[in-house]
């Protein structure tokens, strides 16, 4: 391998002379696949006619995030154990903090259990946020898996076959 001159300073800071480093091939996912998923999500969004659903999932991005959470592609933050009153207050505060973002977030309050005994020991706030699908955050393989899972959730939600949703997106991607 040969060092590209414009990266010399970065390489000097990250690597030591004489050391051996294992290199790994990092395949970028294609823009075509990326665009295809977003076209499929837009098509699914355009087929939602339930006013209650549209009130909550008001943008294709929120629909995508909801689908990621439903399919398990999410980060879960748990606060507790708390008193029931404190848990409800914390959940309300979290809801206010997320309100002005273009994010779909699931916030719930549930009974907390002691990890050792399994006994109920208060209440917990559970916050679920969708994992980022940005190129920097998700590799090609995870993106493919998350895309399949998201389209499976969406096709079930709008009652079409996943392959039909994928096929319709090819025309608009």
Protein backbone atom coordinates (compact mmCIF):
# COMPACT_ATOMS: atom_id res chain seq x y z
CA UNK A 1 0.00 0.00 0.00
CA UNK A 2 1.09 3.52 -0.68
CA UNK A 3 0.13 6.54 1.41
CA UNK A 4 -1.72 9.27 -0.45
CA UNK A 5 0.19 12.51 0.30
CA UNK A 6 -2.90 14.49 1.32
CA UNK A 7 -3.46 12.06 4.23
CA UNK A 8 0.13 12.11 5.52
CA UNK A 9 -0.63 14.19 8.63
CA UNK A 10 -3.64 12.06 9.55
CA UNK A 11 -1.61 8.87 9.11
CA UNK A 12 1.24 10.29 11.22
CA UNK A 13 -1.21 11.02 14.04
CA UNK A 14 -2.97 7.65 13.92
CA UNK A 15 -0.20 5.16 13.09
CA UNK A 16 3.33 4.45 14.35
CA UNK A 17 6.31 3.61 12.14
CA UNK A 18 7.19 -0.07 12.13
CA UNK A 19 3.87 -1.24 13.59
CA UNK A 20 1.60 -3.68 11.77
CA UNK A 21 -2.07 -2.88 11.24
CA UNK A 22 -4.84 -5.09 9.92
CA UNK A 23 -6.76 -3.42 7.13
CA UNK A 24 -10.40 -4.12 6.55
CA UNK A 25 -12.35 -3.54 3.35
CA UNK A 26 -15.19 -1.14 4.00
CA UNK A 27 -17.80 -1.35 1.27
CA UNK A 28 -19.98 1.69 0.91
CA UNK A 29 -23.61 0.99 0.30
CA UNK A 30 -24.90 2.15 -3.01
CA UNK A 31 -26.84 5.35 -3.48
CA UNK A 32 -29.25 3.32 -5.59
CA UNK A 33 -30.14 1.07 -2.65
CA UNK A 34 -30.34 4.04 -0.29
CA UNK A 35 -32.65 5.95 -2.66
CA UNK A 36 -34.75 2.84 -3.25
CA UNK A 37 -35.53 2.50 0.45
CA UNK A 38 -36.54 6.14 0.79
CA UNK A 39 -38.74 5.91 -2.31
CA UNK A 40 -40.47 2.83 -0.86
CA UNK A 41 -41.06 4.66 2.43
CA UNK A 42 -42.52 7.64 0.54
CA UNK A 43 -44.81 5.30 -1.42
CA UNK A 44 -45.96 3.63 1.81
CA UNK A 45 -46.54 7.05 3.40
CA UNK A 46 -48.66 8.10 0.40
CA UNK A 47 -50.89 5.05 0.98
CA UNK A 48 -51.70 5.78 4.61
CA UNK A 49 -55.23 7.13 4.82
CA UNK A 50 -55.93 6.79 8.53
CA UNK A 51 -56.11 10.31 10.05
CA UNK A 52 -54.98 9.09 13.48
CA UNK A 53 -51.88 7.46 12.01
CA UNK A 54 -51.10 10.55 9.94
CA UNK A 55 -51.44 12.74 13.02
CA UNK A 56 -48.61 10.81 14.69
CA UNK A 57 -46.57 9.73 11.66
CA UNK A 58 -46.92 13.02 9.81
CA UNK A 59 -43.84 12.73 7.58
CA UNK A 60 -42.12 9.91 5.68
CA UNK A 61 -39.16 10.35 8.05
CA UNK A 62 -41.33 9.73 11.12
CA UNK A 63 -42.82 6.70 9.38
CA UNK A 64 -39.30 5.39 8.73
CA UNK A 65 -38.28 5.95 12.35
CA UNK A 66 -41.45 4.28 13.63
CA UNK A 67 -40.73 1.29 11.38
CA UNK A 68 -37.15 1.08 12.63
CA UNK A 69 -38.35 1.07 16.25
CA UNK A 70 -41.07 -1.51 15.58
CA UNK A 71 -38.55 -3.78 13.86
CA UNK A 72 -36.04 -3.47 16.71
CA UNK A 73 -33.57 -1.10 15.02
CA UNK A 74 -33.61 1.29 17.94
CA UNK A 75 -31.71 2.52 20.94
CA UNK A 76 -33.46 2.04 24.28
CA UNK A 77 -32.83 4.34 27.23
CA UNK A 78 -34.21 3.27 30.58
CA UNK A 79 -34.55 5.52 33.64
CA UNK A 80 -35.50 4.03 36.96
CA UNK A 81 -36.49 2.77 39.32
CA UNK A 82 -38.55 5.84 40.19
CA UNK A 83 -41.77 6.53 41.98
CA UNK A 84 -44.78 6.43 39.69
CA UNK A 85 -45.18 10.21 39.95
CA UNK A 86 -41.47 10.83 39.16
CA UNK A 87 -41.61 8.42 36.20
CA UNK A 88 -44.65 10.17 34.72
CA UNK A 89 -43.03 13.58 35.22
CA UNK A 90 -39.79 12.35 33.58
CA UNK A 91 -41.73 10.94 30.63
CA UNK A 92 -43.55 14.25 30.18
CA UNK A 93 -40.27 16.16 30.29
CA UNK A 94 -38.76 13.81 27.69
CA UNK A 95 -41.79 14.29 25.45
CA UNK A 96 -41.41 18.07 25.63
CA UNK A 97 -37.71 17.80 24.77
CA UNK A 98 -38.42 15.72 21.65
CA UNK A 99 -41.51 17.66 20.53
CA UNK A 100 -39.74 20.20 18.30
CA UNK A 101 -37.55 17.70 16.49
CA UNK A 102 -38.53 15.87 13.32
CA UNK A 103 -38.16 12.61 15.15
CA UNK A 104 -40.49 9.82 16.08
CA UNK A 105 -39.77 8.68 19.62
CA UNK A 106 -41.62 6.18 21.78
CA UNK A 107 -41.77 7.11 25.45
CA UNK A 108 -43.50 4.88 27.96
CA UNK A 109 -43.75 4.29 31.68
CA UNK A 110 -43.70 0.74 33.00
CA UNK A 111 -43.10 -1.12 36.21
CA UNK A 112 -39.42 -1.66 36.99
CA UNK A 113 -38.12 -4.98 38.20
CA UNK A 114 -35.09 -5.77 40.32
CA UNK A 115 -32.54 -7.51 38.09
CA UNK A 116 -31.61 -10.07 40.74
CA UNK A 117 -34.95 -10.96 42.28
CA UNK A 118 -37.37 -10.01 39.52
CA UNK A 119 -39.53 -8.22 42.08
CA UNK A 120 -41.25 -4.97 41.19
CA UNK A 121 -39.24 -2.13 42.72
CA UNK A 122 -40.79 0.99 41.23
CA UNK A 123 -41.43 2.53 37.85
CA UNK A 124 -39.23 3.17 34.82
CA UNK A 125 -39.28 5.49 31.84
CA UNK A 126 -38.46 3.78 28.55
CA UNK A 127 -37.37 5.92 25.59
CA UNK A 128 -36.94 4.27 22.19
CA UNK A 129 -35.26 6.17 19.35
CA UNK A 130 -34.60 4.87 15.86
CA UNK A 131 -31.04 3.93 15.00
CA UNK A 132 -29.44 6.25 12.48
CA UNK A 133 -29.17 4.84 8.99
CA UNK A 134 -26.59 7.38 7.91
CA UNK A 135 -23.62 6.04 6.00
CA UNK A 136 -21.36 6.92 8.93
CA UNK A 137 -23.56 5.12 11.47
CA UNK A 138 -24.64 1.97 9.65
CA UNK A 139 -22.56 -0.30 7.45
CA UNK A 140 -23.79 -1.86 4.21
CA UNK A 141 -24.88 -5.15 5.77
CA UNK A 142 -26.85 -3.56 8.63
CA UNK A 143 -28.41 -1.08 6.22
CA UNK A 144 -29.63 -3.95 4.04
CA UNK A 145 -31.05 -5.80 7.04
CA UNK A 146 -32.73 -2.69 8.43
CA UNK A 147 -34.12 -1.82 5.00
CA UNK A 148 -35.66 -5.29 4.68
CA UNK A 149 -37.13 -5.08 8.18
CA UNK A 150 -38.50 -1.57 7.63
CA UNK A 151 -40.14 -2.50 4.33
CA UNK A 152 -41.60 -5.63 5.93
CA UNK A 153 -43.19 -3.53 8.70
CA UNK A 154 -44.48 -0.95 6.22
CA UNK A 155 -45.90 -3.50 3.81
CA UNK A 156 -47.81 -5.10 6.68
CA UNK A 157 -49.03 -1.69 7.82
CA UNK A 158 -50.42 -0.71 4.42
CA UNK A 159 -51.46 -4.31 3.65
CA UNK A 160 -49.38 -4.96 0.53
CA UNK A 161 -46.69 -7.51 -0.17
CA UNK A 162 -43.17 -6.32 0.49
CA UNK A 163 -42.06 -7.20 -3.02
CA UNK A 164 -44.90 -5.05 -4.42
CA UNK A 165 -43.77 -2.13 -2.26
CA UNK A 166 -40.18 -2.68 -3.43
CA UNK A 167 -41.28 -2.94 -7.06
CA UNK A 168 -43.29 0.28 -6.88
CA UNK A 169 -40.27 2.08 -5.44
CA UNK A 170 -38.06 1.06 -8.38
CA UNK A 171 -40.17 3.28 -10.62
CA UNK A 172 -39.67 6.35 -8.40
CA UNK A 173 -36.15 5.82 -7.00
